[in-house]
Amino acid sequence: MPRTPLKDRPLAFIDTETTGLDPRLQEVIEVAVILEKPDGTLEEWCTKVRPTRLETAEPYALKVNGYEAHPELWATAPTFPEVVSELARRLDDTILVGHNVGFDLDFLQEGLIRAGSKVRLAHRKLDTYTLAYEHLAPEGLESLSLDAVCSFLGISNEGHHTALVDARRCRAVWHTLCRRQS
């Protein structure tokens, strides 16, 4: 099947919440995708993902992403294998955009492998972390965390460390940095 030309591909702003920092040991517990189509329309999708390996979770991660305080929100959530087809459909033929996007992609790809999926995520990706380093560090930005970048740019950090809010913040950073350059 022929691929869509780059200029006609949607941007897929992604974010994950995980049970730690190592995709071989920990897992995704929330994932969000915001599709921004070339005509400017947006499509948001987010789901909690029920963890299946909490014994390897890092307590700090569970505190930061809200699992520790509200595990009941994940009790009836689908497992990662149950969201694979929806995730793959939403990311197909897109350009992935994230803040430190390699982190999210490593976790998603490891989850796909564990689920027995043949889906491989695209290598077309853009990273707002790199853009922040290039364009904001010379202006005095001292940390490249999404929270710090948002604060520096005047973007709200309210609700941070939830996948959908962080995907929205990543999109706002992307558009802010793109406007600054034009």
C-alpha atoms as a PDB file:
ATOM      1  CA  MET A   1       0.000   0.000   0.000  1.00  0.00           C
ATOM      2  CA  PRO A   2       1.478   3.408  -0.917  1.00  0.00           C
ATOM      3  CA  ARG A   3       2.384   5.676   1.969  1.00  0.00           C
ATOM      4  CA  THR A   4       0.895   9.123   2.411  1.00  0.00           C
ATOM      5  CA  PRO A   5       3.230  12.012   1.501  1.00  0.00           C
ATOM      6  CA  LEU A   6       4.803  13.567   4.604  1.00  0.00           C
ATOM      7  CA  LYS A   7       2.944  16.872   4.241  1.00  0.00           C
ATOM      8  CA  ASP A   8      -0.391  15.010   4.314  1.00  0.00           C
ATOM      9  CA  ARG A   9       0.295  12.872   7.378  1.00  0.00           C
ATOM     10  CA  PRO A  10      -1.290  13.718  10.712  1.00  0.00           C
ATOM     11  CA  LEU A  11       0.898  14.626  13.645  1.00  0.00           C
ATOM     12  CA  ALA A  12       0.308  12.209  16.527  1.00  0.00           C
ATOM     13  CA  PHE A  13       1.141  13.888  19.825  1.00  0.00           C
ATOM     14  CA  ILE A  14       1.734  11.037  22.267  1.00  0.00           C
ATOM     15  CA  ASP A  15       2.336  10.601  25.946  1.00  0.00           C
ATOM     16  CA  THR A  16       2.460   7.648  28.298  1.00  0.00           C
ATOM     17  CA  GLU A  17       2.372   7.193  32.025  1.00  0.00           C
ATOM     18  CA  THR A  18       4.389   4.228  33.231  1.00  0.00           C
ATOM     19  CA  THR A  19       5.186   2.245  36.365  1.00  0.00           C
ATOM     20  CA  GLY A  20       8.874   3.178  36.154  1.00  0.00           C
ATOM     21  CA  LEU A  21      11.722   4.118  33.857  1.00  0.00           C
ATOM     22  CA  ASP A  22      12.778   0.745  32.398  1.00  0.00           C
ATOM     23  CA  PRO A  23      10.528  -0.584  29.605  1.00  0.00           C
ATOM     24  CA  ARG A  24      11.951  -4.109  30.101  1.00  0.00           C
ATOM     25  CA  LEU A  25      10.773  -4.165  33.731  1.00  0.00           C
ATOM     26  CA  GLN A  26       7.912  -1.695  33.986  1.00  0.00           C
ATOM     27  CA  GLU A  27       4.858  -1.019  31.840  1.00  0.00           C
ATOM     28  CA  VAL A  28       2.516   1.572  30.390  1.00  0.00           C
ATOM     29  CA  ILE A  29      -0.498   2.353  32.581  1.00  0.00           C
ATOM     30  CA  GLU A  30      -1.951   5.215  30.547  1.00  0.00           C
ATOM     31  CA  VAL A  31      -1.545   6.302  26.942  1.00  0.00           C
ATOM     32  CA  ALA A  32      -2.847   9.315  25.028  1.00  0.00           C
ATOM     33  CA  VAL A  33      -2.761  10.186  21.343  1.00  0.00           C
ATOM     34  CA  ILE A  34      -3.853  13.521  19.902  1.00  0.00           C
ATOM     35  CA  LEU A  35      -4.100  13.362  16.130  1.00  0.00           C
ATOM     36  CA  GLU A  36      -3.741  16.707  14.425  1.00  0.00           C
ATOM     37  CA  LYS A  37      -4.736  16.303  10.800  1.00  0.00           C
ATOM     38  CA  PRO A  38      -3.329  18.528   8.041  1.00  0.00           C
ATOM     39  CA  ASP A  39      -6.671  20.379   7.868  1.00  0.00           C
ATOM     40  CA  GLY A  40      -6.260  21.315  11.564  1.00  0.00           C
ATOM     41  CA  THR A  41      -8.907  18.984  12.994  1.00  0.00           C
ATOM     42  CA  LEU A  42      -8.049  17.241  16.236  1.00  0.00           C
ATOM     43  CA  GLU A  43      -8.935  13.792  17.487  1.00  0.00           C
ATOM     44  CA  GLU A  44      -8.073  12.878  21.082  1.00  0.00           C
ATOM     45  CA  TRP A  45      -7.871   9.376  22.514  1.00  0.00           C
ATOM     46  CA  CYS A  46      -6.735   8.341  25.960  1.00  0.00           C
ATOM     47  CA  THR A  47      -7.055   5.199  28.011  1.00  0.00           C
ATOM     48  CA  LYS A  48      -5.883   3.903  31.330  1.00  0.00           C
ATOM     49  CA  VAL A  49      -4.112   0.559  30.961  1.00  0.00           C
ATOM     50  CA  ARG A  50      -4.501  -1.982  33.758  1.00  0.00           C
ATOM     51  CA  PRO A  51      -1.057  -2.977  35.023  1.00  0.00           C
ATOM     52  CA  THR A  52      -0.234  -6.665  35.087  1.00  0.00           C
ATOM     53  CA  ARG A  53       3.205  -6.490  36.714  1.00  0.00           C
ATOM     54  CA  LEU A  54       2.888  -4.174  39.710  1.00  0.00           C
ATOM     55  CA  GLU A  55       5.579  -6.147  41.532  1.00  0.00           C
ATOM     56  CA  THR A  56       8.185  -4.429  39.307  1.00  0.00           C
ATOM     57  CA  ALA A  57       6.693  -0.944  39.656  1.00  0.00           C
ATOM     58  CA  GLU A  58       8.682   1.906  41.157  1.00  0.00           C
ATOM     59  CA  PRO A  59       6.730   3.430  44.079  1.00  0.00           C
ATOM     60  CA  TYR A  60       7.665   6.971  43.050  1.00  0.00           C
ATOM     61  CA  ALA A  61       6.247   6.438  39.555  1.00  0.00           C
ATOM     62  CA  LEU A  62       2.965   5.170  40.996  1.00  0.00           C
ATOM     63  CA  LYS A  63       2.769   8.246  43.199  1.00  0.00           C
ATOM     64  CA  VAL A  64       3.549  10.738  40.411  1.00  0.00           C
ATOM     65  CA  ASN A  65       1.033   9.368  37.915  1.00  0.00           C
ATOM     66  CA  GLY A  66      -1.776   8.979  40.457  1.00  0.00           C
ATOM     67  CA  TYR A  67      -1.989   5.193  40.631  1.00  0.00           C
ATOM     68  CA  GLU A  68      -1.011   5.089  44.310  1.00  0.00           C
ATOM     69  CA  ALA A  69      -3.841   7.434  45.337  1.00  0.00           C
ATOM     70  CA  HIS A  70      -6.524   5.999  43.016  1.00  0.00           C
ATOM     71  CA  PRO A  71      -5.834   2.395  41.947  1.00  0.00           C
ATOM     72  CA  GLU A  72      -9.588   1.921  41.488  1.00  0.00           C
ATOM     73  CA  LEU A  73      -9.371   4.023  38.303  1.00  0.00           C
ATOM     74  CA  TRP A  74      -7.387   1.190  36.734  1.00  0.00           C
ATOM     75  CA  ALA A  75      -9.463  -1.732  38.100  1.00  0.00           C
ATOM     76  CA  THR A  76     -11.645  -2.107  35.003  1.00  0.00           C
ATOM     77  CA  ALA A  77      -9.220  -0.621  32.464  1.00  0.00           C
ATOM     78  CA  PRO A  78      -8.160  -2.753  29.509  1.00  0.00           C
ATOM     79  CA  THR A  79      -4.778  -4.467  29.570  1.00  0.00           C
ATOM     80  CA  PHE A  80      -2.133  -3.446  27.054  1.00  0.00           C
ATOM     81  CA  PRO A  81      -2.901  -6.337  24.659  1.00  0.00           C
ATOM     82  CA  GLU A  82      -6.521  -5.145  24.635  1.00  0.00           C
ATOM     83  CA  VAL A  83      -5.563  -1.642  23.424  1.00  0.00           C
ATOM     84  CA  VAL A  84      -2.988  -2.691  20.810  1.00  0.00           C
ATOM     85  CA  SER A  85      -5.277  -2.597  17.770  1.00  0.00           C
ATOM     86  CA  GLU A  86      -6.740   0.803  18.692  1.00  0.00           C
ATOM     87  CA  LEU A  87      -3.294   2.224  19.414  1.00  0.00           C
ATOM     88  CA  ALA A  88      -1.870   0.867  16.149  1.00  0.00           C
ATOM     89  CA  ARG A  89      -4.823   2.240  14.171  1.00  0.00           C
ATOM     90  CA  ARG A  90      -4.344   5.705  15.643  1.00  0.00           C
ATOM     91  CA  LEU A  91      -0.587   5.789  15.046  1.00  0.00           C
ATOM     92  CA  ASP A  92      -0.575   4.292  11.543  1.00  0.00           C
ATOM     93  CA  ASP A  93       0.940   6.578   8.890  1.00  0.00           C
ATOM     94  CA  THR A  94       1.487   9.477  11.282  1.00  0.00           C
ATOM     95  CA  ILE A  95       4.460  11.506  12.390  1.00  0.00           C
ATOM     96  CA  LEU A  96       4.903  10.937  16.114  1.00  0.00           C
ATOM     97  CA  VAL A  97       5.562  13.965  18.330  1.00  0.00           C
ATOM     98  CA  GLY A  98       6.431  13.764  22.003  1.00  0.00           C
ATOM     99  CA  HIS A  99       8.505  15.283  24.746  1.00  0.00           C
ATOM    100  CA  ASN A 100      11.454  12.905  25.060  1.00  0.00           C
ATOM    101  CA  VAL A 101       9.500  10.813  22.578  1.00  0.00           C
ATOM    102  CA  GLY A 102      12.025   7.958  22.637  1.00  0.00           C
ATOM    103  CA  PHE A 103      10.957   7.148  26.213  1.00  0.00           C
ATOM    104  CA  ASP A 104       7.315   6.773  25.203  1.00  0.00           C
ATOM    105  CA  LEU A 105       8.171   4.816  22.051  1.00  0.00           C
ATOM    106  CA  ASP A 106      10.417   2.403  23.951  1.00  0.00           C
ATOM    107  CA  PHE A 107       7.584   1.617  26.382  1.00  0.00           C
ATOM    108  CA  LEU A 108       4.956   1.323  23.651  1.00  0.00           C
ATOM    109  CA  GLN A 109       7.150  -0.893  21.475  1.00  0.00           C
ATOM    110  CA  GLU A 110       8.049  -3.142  24.414  1.00  0.00           C
ATOM    111  CA  GLY A 111       4.338  -3.428  25.248  1.00  0.00           C
ATOM    112  CA  LEU A 112       3.571  -4.357  21.638  1.00  0.00           C
ATOM    113  CA  ILE A 113       6.266  -7.037  21.678  1.00  0.00           C
ATOM    114  CA  ARG A 114       5.021  -8.451  25.001  1.00  0.00           C
ATOM    115  CA  ALA A 115       1.492  -8.509  23.586  1.00  0.00           C
ATOM    116  CA  GLY A 116       2.722 -10.605  20.652  1.00  0.00           C
ATOM    117  CA  SER A 117       1.887  -7.866  18.161  1.00  0.00           C
ATOM    118  CA  LYS A 118       3.680  -7.611  14.833  1.00  0.00           C
ATOM    119  CA  VAL A 119       3.040  -3.835  14.793  1.00  0.00           C
ATOM    120  CA  ARG A 120       6.203  -1.765  14.740  1.00  0.00           C
ATOM    121  CA  LEU A 121       5.965   1.927  15.401  1.00  0.00           C
ATOM    122  CA  ALA A 122       7.105   4.395  12.781  1.00  0.00           C
ATOM    123  CA  HIS A 123      10.577   5.829  12.798  1.00  0.00           C
ATOM    124  CA  ARG A 124       9.161   9.239  11.843  1.00  0.00           C
ATOM    125  CA  LYS A 125       9.290  11.196  15.052  1.00  0.00           C
ATOM    126  CA  LEU A 126       9.778  14.737  16.290  1.00  0.00           C
ATOM    127  CA  ASP A 127      10.924  15.593  19.801  1.00  0.00           C
ATOM    128  CA  THR A 128       9.956  18.757  21.664  1.00  0.00           C
ATOM    129  CA  TYR A 129      12.735  17.981  24.184  1.00  0.00           C
ATOM    130  CA  THR A 130      15.313  18.523  21.441  1.00  0.00           C
ATOM    131  CA  LEU A 131      13.535  21.637  20.186  1.00  0.00           C
ATOM    132  CA  ALA A 132      13.488  23.077  23.713  1.00  0.00           C
ATOM    133  CA  TYR A 133      17.217  22.472  24.062  1.00  0.00           C
ATOM    134  CA  GLU A 134      17.955  24.099  20.723  1.00  0.00           C
ATOM    135  CA  HIS A 135      15.666  27.103  21.073  1.00  0.00           C
ATOM    136  CA  LEU A 136      15.106  27.734  24.793  1.00  0.00           C
ATOM    137  CA  ALA A 137      18.354  26.765  26.538  1.00  0.00           C
ATOM    138  CA  PRO A 138      20.150  29.723  24.902  1.00  0.00           C
ATOM    139  CA  GLU A 139      17.401  31.953  26.375  1.00  0.00           C
ATOM    140  CA  GLY A 140      18.037  30.660  29.902  1.00  0.00           C
ATOM    141  CA  LEU A 141      15.933  27.487  30.233  1.00  0.00           C
ATOM    142  CA  GLU A 142      17.669  25.451  32.951  1.00  0.00           C
ATOM    143  CA  SER A 143      15.778  22.138  32.772  1.00  0.00           C
ATOM    144  CA  LEU A 144      14.366  20.253  29.805  1.00  0.00           C
ATOM    145  CA  SER A 145      11.522  18.584  31.710  1.00  0.00           C
ATOM    146  CA  LEU A 146       8.096  19.171  30.198  1.00  0.00           C
ATOM    147  CA  ASP A 147       7.058  21.011  33.382  1.00  0.00           C
ATOM    148  CA  ALA A 148      10.048  23.373  33.116  1.00  0.00           C
ATOM    149  CA  VAL A 149       9.558  23.977  29.394  1.00  0.00           C
ATOM    150  CA  CYS A 150       5.857  24.716  29.904  1.00  0.00           C
ATOM    151  CA  SER A 151       6.605  27.097  32.778  1.00  0.00           C
ATOM    152  CA  PHE A 152       9.240  28.868  30.690  1.00  0.00           C
ATOM    153  CA  LEU A 153       6.748  29.299  27.824  1.00  0.00           C
ATOM    154  CA  GLY A 154       3.797  30.259  30.036  1.00  0.00           C
ATOM    155  CA  ILE A 155       1.882  27.034  29.361  1.00  0.00           C
ATOM    156  CA  SER A 156      -0.157  25.677  32.276  1.00  0.00           C
ATOM    157  CA  ASN A 157       1.151  22.670  34.197  1.00  0.00           C
ATOM    158  CA  GLU A 158      -2.237  21.997  35.803  1.00  0.00           C
ATOM    159  CA  GLY A 159      -3.093  18.299  35.651  1.00  0.00           C
ATOM    160  CA  HIS A 160       0.420  17.261  34.633  1.00  0.00           C
ATOM    161  CA  HIS A 161       1.479  13.622  34.785  1.00  0.00           C
ATOM    162  CA  THR A 162      -1.696  12.395  33.172  1.00  0.00           C
ATOM    163  CA  ALA A 163      -1.222  11.195  29.618  1.00  0.00           C
ATOM    164  CA  LEU A 164      -3.857  13.349  27.922  1.00  0.00           C
ATOM    165  CA  VAL A 165      -2.870  16.563  29.711  1.00  0.00           C
ATOM    166  CA  ASP A 166       0.800  15.940  28.939  1.00  0.00           C
ATOM    167  CA  ALA A 167       0.042  15.187  25.267  1.00  0.00           C
ATOM    168  CA  ARG A 168      -1.896  18.466  25.128  1.00  0.00           C
ATOM    169  CA  ARG A 169       1.004  20.309  26.781  1.00  0.00           C
ATOM    170  CA  CYS A 170       3.437  18.741  24.308  1.00  0.00           C
ATOM    171  CA  ARG A 171       1.245  19.951  21.438  1.00  0.00           C
ATOM    172  CA  ALA A 172       1.182  23.454  22.950  1.00  0.00           C
ATOM    173  CA  VAL A 173       4.989  23.435  23.261  1.00  0.00           C
ATOM    174  CA  TRP A 174       5.301  22.265  19.638  1.00  0.00           C
ATOM    175  CA  HIS A 175       3.069  25.014  18.299  1.00  0.00           C
ATOM    176  CA  THR A 176       4.614  27.685  20.525  1.00  0.00           C
ATOM    177  CA  LEU A 177       8.119  26.810  19.372  1.00  0.00           C
ATOM    178  CA  CYS A 178       7.039  26.601  15.722  1.00  0.00           C
ATOM    179  CA  ARG A 179       5.409  30.073  15.925  1.00  0.00           C
ATOM    180  CA  ARG A 180       8.512  31.522  17.584  1.00  0.00           C
ATOM    181  CA  GLN A 181      10.623  30.347  14.662  1.00  0.00           C
ATOM    182  CA  SER A 182       8.409  31.694  11.887  1.00  0.00           C
END
